[in-house]
Structures are given as structure tokens and as C-alpha cells.
C-alpha atoms as a PDB file:
ATOM      1  CA  MET A   1       0.233   0.096   0.058  1.00  0.00           C
ATOM      2  CA  SER A   2       1.833   3.693  -1.180  1.00  0.00           C
ATOM      3  CA  LEU A   3       2.365   6.153   1.346  1.00  0.00           C
ATOM      4  CA  ILE A   4       0.801   8.773  -0.854  1.00  0.00           C
ATOM      5  CA  LYS A   5      -2.691   9.706  -1.665  1.00  0.00           C
ATOM      6  CA  ASP A   6      -3.501   8.900  -5.184  1.00  0.00           C
ATOM      7  CA  LEU A   7      -4.291  12.554  -6.303  1.00  0.00           C
ATOM      8  CA  VAL A   8      -0.831  13.143  -5.356  1.00  0.00           C
ATOM      9  CA  VAL A   9       0.630  10.100  -7.791  1.00  0.00           C
ATOM     10  CA  GLU A  10      -2.071  12.088 -10.362  1.00  0.00           C
ATOM     11  CA  LYS A  11      -0.780  15.180 -10.336  1.00  0.00           C
ATOM     12  CA  ALA A  12       3.242  13.459 -10.431  1.00  0.00           C
ATOM     13  CA  ILE A  13       2.320  12.239 -12.806  1.00  0.00           C
ATOM     14  CA  GLU A  14       0.862  14.801 -14.590  1.00  0.00           C
ATOM     15  CA  LEU A  15       4.193  16.723 -13.542  1.00  0.00           C
ATOM     16  CA  ALA A  16       6.581  14.626 -15.022  1.00  0.00           C
ATOM     17  CA  ASP A  17       4.205  14.518 -18.370  1.00  0.00           C
ATOM     18  CA  CYS A  18       4.423  18.052 -18.417  1.00  0.00           C
ATOM     19  CA  ILE A  19       8.005  18.433 -18.169  1.00  0.00           C
ATOM     20  CA  LYS A  20       8.621  15.653 -20.834  1.00  0.00           C
ATOM     21  CA  GLU A  21       7.162  18.693 -23.284  1.00  0.00           C
ATOM     22  CA  LEU A  22       9.690  21.305 -22.011  1.00  0.00           C
ATOM     23  CA  GLU A  23      12.359  22.577 -24.695  1.00  0.00           C
ATOM     24  CA  GLU A  24      14.831  22.256 -22.072  1.00  0.00           C
ATOM     25  CA  TYR A  25      14.041  18.061 -21.708  1.00  0.00           C
ATOM     26  CA  LYS A  26      14.251  17.352 -25.284  1.00  0.00           C
ATOM     27  CA  GLU A  27      17.178  18.951 -25.866  1.00  0.00           C
ATOM     28  CA  PHE A  28      19.166  17.037 -23.506  1.00  0.00           C
ATOM     29  CA  LEU A  29      17.219  14.073 -24.903  1.00  0.00           C
ATOM     30  CA  LYS A  30      18.546  15.202 -28.399  1.00  0.00           C
ATOM     31  CA  ASN A  31      22.016  15.704 -26.824  1.00  0.00           C
ATOM     32  CA  GLU A  32      22.035  12.700 -24.674  1.00  0.00           C
ATOM     33  CA  GLU A  33      21.228  10.597 -27.785  1.00  0.00           C
ATOM     34  CA  LYS A  34      24.130  12.417 -29.884  1.00  0.00           C
ATOM     35  CA  LEU A  35      26.932  11.783 -26.904  1.00  0.00           C
ATOM     36  CA  LYS A  36      26.181   8.035 -26.556  1.00  0.00           C
ATOM     37  CA  ASN A  37      26.513   7.595 -30.223  1.00  0.00           C
ATOM     38  CA  ASP A  38      30.044   9.869 -30.363  1.00  0.00           C
ATOM     39  CA  GLU A  39      32.184   6.281 -30.245  1.00  0.00           C
ATOM     40  CA  ILE A  40      35.361   8.485 -29.194  1.00  0.00           C
ATOM     41  CA  ALA A  41      34.151  10.988 -26.025  1.00  0.00           C
ATOM     42  CA  GLN A  42      32.365   7.234 -24.998  1.00  0.00           C
ATOM     43  CA  ARG A  43      35.416   5.341 -24.964  1.00  0.00           C
ATOM     44  CA  MET A  44      36.918   8.690 -23.652  1.00  0.00           C
ATOM     45  CA  LEU A  45      34.310   9.554 -20.740  1.00  0.00           C
ATOM     46  CA  LEU A  46      35.319   4.968 -20.149  1.00  0.00           C
ATOM     47  CA  GLU A  47      38.969   6.006 -19.834  1.00  0.00           C
ATOM     48  CA  PHE A  48      38.703   8.677 -17.794  1.00  0.00           C
ATOM     49  CA  GLN A  49      36.041   6.936 -14.873  1.00  0.00           C
ATOM     50  CA  ARG A  50      38.180   3.731 -14.594  1.00  0.00           C
ATOM     51  CA  LYS A  51      41.393   6.615 -14.096  1.00  0.00           C
ATOM     52  CA  GLN A  52      39.334   8.421 -11.511  1.00  0.00           C
ATOM     53  CA  GLN A  53      38.811   5.573  -9.904  1.00  0.00           C
ATOM     54  CA  ASP A  54      41.690   4.172  -9.764  1.00  0.00           C
ATOM     55  CA  PHE A  55      42.983   7.960  -8.515  1.00  0.00           C
ATOM     56  CA  VAL A  56      40.589   7.118  -5.826  1.00  0.00           C
ATOM     57  CA  MET A  57      41.872   4.220  -4.527  1.00  0.00           C
ATOM     58  CA  LYS A  58      45.394   5.074  -5.057  1.00  0.00           C
ATOM     59  CA  GLN A  59      44.492   8.201  -3.050  1.00  0.00           C
ATOM     60  CA  MET A  60      42.490   5.977   0.020  1.00  0.00           C
ATOM     61  CA  ALA A  61      45.568   4.458   0.247  1.00  0.00           C
ATOM     62  CA  GLY A  62      47.491   7.396   1.304  1.00  0.00           C
ATOM     63  CA  GLU A  63      49.314   7.437  -2.741  1.00  0.00           C
ATOM     64  CA  PHE A  64      49.861  10.381  -4.176  1.00  0.00           C
ATOM     65  CA  ASP A  65      50.211   9.885  -8.332  1.00  0.00           C
ATOM     66  CA  GLN A  66      51.266  12.516 -10.026  1.00  0.00           C
ATOM     67  CA  LYS A  67      50.899  10.966 -13.628  1.00  0.00           C
ATOM     68  CA  LEU A  68      47.128   9.505 -13.036  1.00  0.00           C
ATOM     69  CA  LEU A  69      46.273  12.990 -11.440  1.00  0.00           C
ATOM     70  CA  ASN A  70      48.604  14.263 -15.385  1.00  0.00           C
ATOM     71  CA  ASP A  71      46.154  12.133 -17.421  1.00  0.00           C
ATOM     72  CA  LEU A  72      43.061  12.630 -15.919  1.00  0.00           C
ATOM     73  CA  THR A  73      43.637  17.179 -16.216  1.00  0.00           C
ATOM     74  CA  ASP A  74      44.011  15.972 -20.399  1.00  0.00           C
ATOM     75  CA  LEU A  75      42.293  13.697 -20.995  1.00  0.00           C
ATOM     76  CA  GLN A  76      39.010  16.004 -18.587  1.00  0.00           C
ATOM     77  CA  ALA A  77      40.359  19.131 -20.792  1.00  0.00           C
ATOM     78  CA  LYS A  78      40.216  16.378 -24.845  1.00  0.00           C
ATOM     79  CA  LEU A  79      36.093  15.601 -22.905  1.00  0.00           C
ATOM     80  CA  ASN A  80      35.769  19.029 -23.118  1.00  0.00           C
ATOM     81  CA  ALA A  81      36.916  20.297 -25.683  1.00  0.00           C
ATOM     82  CA  ARG A  82      33.671  17.570 -27.549  1.00  0.00           C
ATOM     83  CA  GLU A  83      31.390  19.299 -28.916  1.00  0.00           C
ATOM     84  CA  SER A  84      28.739  16.119 -27.775  1.00  0.00           C
ATOM     85  CA  VAL A  85      30.237  16.545 -24.417  1.00  0.00           C
ATOM     86  CA  VAL A  86      29.534  20.145 -24.177  1.00  0.00           C
ATOM     87  CA  ARG A  87      25.968  20.274 -25.580  1.00  0.00           C
ATOM     88  CA  PHE A  88      25.001  17.918 -23.094  1.00  0.00           C
ATOM     89  CA  ILE A  89      26.237  19.238 -19.728  1.00  0.00           C
ATOM     90  CA  GLU A  90      25.240  22.470 -20.352  1.00  0.00           C
ATOM     91  CA  SER A  91      21.329  21.028 -21.549  1.00  0.00           C
ATOM     92  CA  TYR A  92      21.675  19.047 -18.427  1.00  0.00           C
ATOM     93  CA  ASN A  93      22.296  21.691 -16.465  1.00  0.00           C
ATOM     94  CA  LYS A  94      19.280  23.899 -18.003  1.00  0.00           C
ATOM     95  CA  LEU A  95      17.248  21.418 -17.186  1.00  0.00           C
ATOM     96  CA  LEU A  96      18.715  20.776 -14.121  1.00  0.00           C
ATOM     97  CA  SER A  97      17.934  24.122 -13.232  1.00  0.00           C
ATOM     98  CA  VAL A  98      14.286  24.051 -14.763  1.00  0.00           C
ATOM     99  CA  ILE A  99      13.578  21.068 -12.202  1.00  0.00           C
ATOM    100  CA  GLY A 100      15.387  23.360  -9.035  1.00  0.00           C
ATOM    101  CA  GLU A 101      12.256  25.875 -10.142  1.00  0.00           C
ATOM    102  CA  ILE A 102       9.837  23.499  -9.812  1.00  0.00           C
ATOM    103  CA  LEU A 103      11.053  22.129  -6.622  1.00  0.00           C
ATOM    104  CA  GLU A 104      11.675  25.672  -5.408  1.00  0.00           C
ATOM    105  CA  ILE A 105       7.955  26.229  -6.309  1.00  0.00           C
ATOM    106  CA  ILE A 106       6.160  23.363  -4.487  1.00  0.00           C
ATOM    107  CA  GLY A 107       8.415  23.885  -1.286  1.00  0.00           C
ATOM    108  CA  ASP A 108       7.214  27.354  -1.222  1.00  0.00           C
ATOM    109  CA  ARG A 109       3.953  26.322  -2.047  1.00  0.00           C
ATOM    110  CA  ILE A 110       3.871  23.697   0.926  1.00  0.00           C
ATOM    111  CA  ASP A 111       5.950  26.654   3.144  1.00  0.00           C
ATOM    112  CA  LEU A 112       9.289  24.384   2.895  1.00  0.00           C
ATOM    113  CA  ASP A 113      12.799  25.496   2.836  1.00  0.00           C
ATOM    114  CA  LEU A 114      14.957  22.404   2.074  1.00  0.00           C
ATOM    115  CA  GLU A 115      17.497  24.367   2.294  1.00  0.00           C
ATOM    116  CA  GLU A 116      16.945  25.482   5.777  1.00  0.00           C
ATOM    117  CA  VAL A 117      16.572  22.156   6.813  1.00  0.00           C
ATOM    118  CA  TYR A 118      19.452  20.293   5.219  1.00  0.00           C
ATOM    119  CA  LYS A 119      21.700  23.450   7.320  1.00  0.00           C
ATOM    120  CA  HIS A 120      20.340  21.560  10.243  1.00  0.00           C
END
């Protein structure tokens, strides 16, 4: 049995459907697909994630690997130079901003300041 009343679920579904109609959401999906189809970017992202995990593991073991950090920095620069990556990040951030505004409206409407709640 759900703790959320049926009406609230229905309205949440309506809100999600409205978000799907936003230009920011459509742009995000388009750029996500372009990034998925960019084989070079995908290989670079996998390599970056692998090296990032290695770097974190070494740090947790008390090691510092300057070469690995340099490799990560170089890969990050190359990723930031790829149009598919840049457009994906931009559209992702725009969508997050819209969703943040929506959450702020909901919070204001129910008199709930989430930032204040998490400070304590």
C-alpha cells in the first residue's frame, strides 16, 4: 500500500508529463543521444572513469599518483573540447535548473525551505 494519496500520484505523473514537453527536456534527450552515439567520447569517458577510480583507490590507500592526475587532467580537457560532451553538459544543467525551479515552487507553496532543513 502506497503512502502517497492517489491524487498526489496523479498530479506527480501530470507534472512529469509536462516536464517531458519542455524544450529543455527535449534538448537534453537529443544531446544525450548524440553523446551516446559519439564513439570517441564514449571511449574517453570510459577511460576517464577507470582512471578516476584508480586515482581514488590510490588516494584511499594513501598514495598520490601525479602521472595519473596528469592523465585525468588531459582527458578532462579533451572531453571538454568535444562538442557532444559540451552540449550534453549544458542541456543537463539547463534541465536541472528547470527542475530546481519546480522544486522551489513546490517548496514555497507548502512552506518548506529545503535548504534550511538540510542546514540543521
